[in-house]
Amino acid sequence: MLQATIKKNDKQAKWLIGIFSVVMFLAVALLGNVKLDISVPFDVHIFAAINAVINSIIALLLIAALLAVKQKRYKLHKQLMITALVLSVVFLASYVAHHLLAGEARYGDSNHDGEVSPAELAAVSSTRGIYFFILITHILLASVILPFILYTAYKGLTAEFAQHKKIARYTWPLWLYVAISGPVVYLMISPYYH
């Protein structure tokens, strides 16, 4: 097993994780409804594509980290998970940038007028329900998973491996779902970007 990377201080960790999680949740929730009306010399939807790539990489890292820990390659597991955490921070910055610059797209809005007409609705039929199911579960889990990811990481970094493993059994599959469903949402909504 590995040695502790950081000193155990549960009270401080809970406060820092709580504050960071609330700030990130509020930033994403509040900025998600704001669109900056500025012109940039590139397609702002590049951020959405970057987000999908980052989420895909995170999903692969999570799977590789699981395999590494099952093979008792703890140092590799730690490196993969820290990389996934760092990429998650990059993702958040890119996600906020995309929403600030691009605003919202509507699933099925093929003429890009901001409304989904009855004809457009008929054209996407049942895929709209599938899209919204994936989107809603993605958003709900993404909005609540951050403190659990951070707390799981904290337990691993303080070498409290029994607790880390216990929490990770729940955190890992939820994080993986968020990482996989993000690119799926992107692939489904990207035809309706304007």
Protein backbone atom coordinates (compact mmCIF):
# COMPACT_ATOMS: atom_id res chain seq x y z
CA MET A 1 0.00 0.00 0.00
CA LEU A 2 0.98 3.63 -0.47
CA GLN A 3 1.87 6.14 2.19
CA ALA A 4 -0.39 9.10 2.93
CA THR A 5 0.14 11.99 0.53
CA ILE A 6 -1.61 14.57 2.68
CA LYS A 7 -2.06 14.89 6.43
CA LYS A 8 -5.40 13.71 7.80
CA ASN A 9 -7.61 16.58 8.95
CA ASP A 10 -11.23 15.51 8.50
CA LYS A 11 -12.75 18.74 9.78
CA GLN A 12 -10.72 20.94 7.44
CA ALA A 13 -11.23 18.54 4.54
CA LYS A 14 -15.02 18.53 4.98
CA TRP A 15 -15.10 22.33 5.05
CA LEU A 16 -12.87 22.69 1.98
CA ILE A 17 -14.76 20.01 0.05
CA GLY A 18 -18.08 21.57 1.05
CA ILE A 19 -17.09 25.11 0.13
CA PHE A 20 -15.50 24.09 -3.17
CA SER A 21 -18.49 21.92 -4.09
CA VAL A 22 -21.04 24.65 -3.30
CA VAL A 23 -19.04 27.29 -5.19
CA MET A 24 -18.72 25.03 -8.24
CA PHE A 25 -22.40 24.07 -8.11
CA LEU A 26 -23.50 27.72 -7.87
CA ALA A 27 -21.09 28.83 -10.61
CA VAL A 28 -22.38 26.18 -13.01
CA ALA A 29 -26.04 26.71 -12.04
CA LEU A 30 -25.92 30.50 -12.24
CA LEU A 31 -23.64 30.81 -15.24
CA GLY A 32 -25.63 28.19 -17.12
CA ASN A 33 -28.38 30.78 -17.55
CA VAL A 34 -26.06 33.60 -18.64
CA LYS A 35 -24.87 34.19 -22.18
CA LEU A 36 -22.24 36.78 -22.98
CA ASP A 37 -23.09 38.70 -26.12
CA ILE A 38 -19.58 38.95 -27.51
CA SER A 39 -18.10 37.94 -30.82
CA VAL A 40 -15.12 35.62 -30.82
CA PRO A 41 -13.03 34.65 -33.85
CA PHE A 42 -13.77 30.93 -33.54
CA ASP A 43 -16.68 28.53 -33.27
CA VAL A 44 -17.68 28.64 -29.59
CA HIS A 45 -18.94 25.06 -29.81
CA ILE A 46 -15.32 23.94 -29.86
CA PHE A 47 -15.65 24.01 -26.06
CA ALA A 48 -18.47 21.46 -26.22
CA ALA A 49 -16.32 19.19 -28.38
CA ILE A 50 -13.42 19.65 -25.95
CA ASN A 51 -15.76 18.78 -23.08
CA ALA A 52 -16.83 15.56 -24.82
CA VAL A 53 -13.20 14.59 -25.43
CA ILE A 54 -12.23 15.39 -21.83
CA ASN A 55 -15.16 13.38 -20.47
CA SER A 56 -14.23 10.46 -22.74
CA ILE A 57 -10.65 10.56 -21.48
CA ILE A 58 -11.88 10.71 -17.89
CA ALA A 59 -14.05 7.63 -18.52
CA LEU A 60 -11.04 5.76 -19.90
CA LEU A 61 -8.91 6.89 -16.95
CA LEU A 62 -11.55 5.69 -14.49
CA ILE A 63 -11.68 2.27 -16.14
CA ALA A 64 -7.87 2.05 -16.28
CA ALA A 65 -7.67 3.10 -12.61
CA LEU A 66 -10.13 0.39 -11.62
CA LEU A 67 -8.10 -2.21 -13.49
CA ALA A 68 -4.89 -0.91 -11.89
CA VAL A 69 -6.25 -1.16 -8.35
CA LYS A 70 -7.60 -4.66 -9.00
CA GLN A 71 -4.07 -5.62 -10.09
CA LYS A 72 -2.71 -4.02 -6.88
CA ARG A 73 -0.88 -1.38 -8.91
CA TYR A 74 -1.74 1.32 -6.38
CA LYS A 75 0.72 3.96 -7.54
CA LEU A 76 -0.64 3.75 -11.10
CA HIS A 77 -4.20 3.85 -9.73
CA LYS A 78 -3.38 7.02 -7.80
CA GLN A 79 -1.76 8.68 -10.84
CA LEU A 80 -4.71 7.84 -13.07
CA MET A 81 -7.24 9.13 -10.56
CA ILE A 82 -5.34 12.37 -9.95
CA THR A 83 -5.17 12.87 -13.71
CA ALA A 84 -8.94 12.34 -13.90
CA LEU A 85 -9.42 14.95 -11.14
CA VAL A 86 -7.20 17.49 -12.92
CA LEU A 87 -9.03 16.91 -16.19
CA SER A 88 -12.32 17.43 -14.35
CA VAL A 89 -11.15 20.91 -13.36
CA VAL A 90 -10.21 21.64 -16.99
CA PHE A 91 -13.62 20.32 -18.01
CA LEU A 92 -15.41 22.67 -15.60
CA ALA A 93 -13.56 25.69 -17.01
CA SER A 94 -14.37 24.65 -20.58
CA TYR A 95 -18.00 23.89 -19.66
CA VAL A 96 -18.50 27.35 -18.17
CA ALA A 97 -16.78 28.98 -21.18
CA HIS A 98 -19.07 27.12 -23.59
CA HIS A 99 -22.25 28.09 -21.78
CA LEU A 100 -21.17 31.71 -21.39
CA LEU A 101 -20.37 32.04 -25.07
CA ALA A 102 -22.88 29.71 -26.75
CA GLY A 103 -25.98 29.71 -24.59
CA GLU A 104 -28.42 26.82 -24.85
CA ALA A 105 -29.31 24.65 -27.82
CA ARG A 106 -32.68 22.92 -28.11
CA TYR A 107 -32.84 19.27 -29.06
CA GLY A 108 -34.66 18.95 -32.38
CA ASP A 109 -34.31 22.61 -33.40
CA SER A 110 -32.98 21.79 -36.86
CA ASN A 111 -33.59 25.27 -38.31
CA HIS A 112 -31.81 26.89 -35.32
CA ASP A 113 -34.54 29.44 -34.61
CA GLY A 114 -34.58 28.72 -30.87
CA GLU A 115 -37.93 26.92 -31.01
CA VAL A 116 -38.83 23.30 -31.65
CA SER A 117 -41.80 23.34 -34.03
CA PRO A 118 -44.34 20.49 -34.21
CA ALA A 119 -42.67 19.33 -37.46
CA GLU A 120 -39.22 19.36 -35.83
CA LEU A 121 -40.65 17.56 -32.81
CA ALA A 122 -42.14 14.87 -35.06
CA ALA A 123 -38.81 14.49 -36.86
CA VAL A 124 -36.95 13.60 -33.65
CA SER A 125 -39.87 11.59 -32.18
CA SER A 126 -38.83 9.20 -29.40
CA THR A 127 -35.16 10.18 -29.47
CA ARG A 128 -36.13 13.42 -27.71
CA GLY A 129 -37.29 11.44 -24.66
CA ILE A 130 -34.10 9.37 -24.67
CA TYR A 131 -32.04 12.55 -24.96
CA PHE A 132 -33.80 14.20 -22.03
CA PHE A 133 -33.50 11.07 -19.87
CA ILE A 134 -29.74 10.93 -20.46
CA LEU A 135 -29.39 14.71 -20.06
CA ILE A 136 -31.40 14.89 -16.82
CA THR A 137 -29.64 11.94 -15.18
CA HIS A 138 -26.29 13.36 -16.32
CA ILE A 139 -27.04 16.80 -14.87
CA LEU A 140 -28.44 15.46 -11.59
CA LEU A 141 -25.51 13.14 -10.97
CA ALA A 142 -22.94 15.71 -12.12
CA SER A 143 -24.41 18.26 -9.73
CA VAL A 144 -24.14 16.01 -6.66
CA ILE A 145 -21.11 13.81 -7.38
CA LEU A 146 -18.34 16.39 -6.87
CA PRO A 147 -18.19 16.33 -3.05
CA PHE A 148 -18.25 12.53 -3.08
CA ILE A 149 -15.40 12.41 -5.62
CA LEU A 150 -13.37 14.85 -3.53
CA TYR A 151 -14.08 13.00 -0.28
CA THR A 152 -13.18 9.67 -1.87
CA ALA A 153 -9.92 11.20 -3.13
CA TYR A 154 -9.23 12.66 0.31
CA LYS A 155 -9.61 9.24 1.95
CA GLY A 156 -7.20 7.76 -0.59
CA LEU A 157 -4.66 10.56 -0.20
CA THR A 158 -4.72 10.20 3.60
CA ALA A 159 -4.11 6.44 3.21
CA GLU A 160 -7.47 5.52 4.76
CA PHE A 161 -7.85 2.80 2.20
CA ALA A 162 -10.68 0.83 3.82
CA GLN A 163 -12.90 3.94 3.87
CA HIS A 164 -11.65 5.00 0.43
CA LYS A 165 -12.64 1.62 -1.02
CA LYS A 166 -16.03 1.65 0.73
CA ILE A 167 -16.93 5.10 -0.66
CA ALA A 168 -15.40 4.45 -4.09
CA ARG A 169 -17.79 1.53 -4.65
CA TYR A 170 -20.54 4.14 -5.02
CA THR A 171 -18.59 7.15 -6.28
CA TRP A 172 -16.74 5.38 -9.09
CA PRO A 173 -19.75 4.05 -11.07
CA LEU A 174 -21.62 7.34 -10.71
CA TRP A 175 -18.59 9.32 -11.89
CA LEU A 176 -18.15 6.87 -14.78
CA TYR A 177 -21.82 7.34 -15.77
CA VAL A 178 -21.36 11.13 -15.76
CA ALA A 179 -18.16 10.82 -17.81
CA ILE A 180 -19.82 8.55 -20.40
CA SER A 181 -23.20 10.28 -20.57
CA GLY A 182 -21.57 13.68 -21.19
CA PRO A 183 -20.19 12.74 -24.62
CA VAL A 184 -23.47 10.95 -25.45
CA VAL A 185 -25.37 14.18 -24.71
CA TYR A 186 -22.87 16.10 -26.85
CA LEU A 187 -23.28 13.71 -29.79
CA MET A 188 -27.05 14.00 -29.56
CA ILE A 189 -27.27 17.81 -29.18
CA SER A 190 -24.38 18.93 -31.43
CA PRO A 191 -26.42 18.78 -34.67
CA TYR A 192 -28.64 21.49 -33.17
CA TYR A 193 -25.88 23.96 -32.35
CA HIS A 194 -26.10 27.15 -34.35
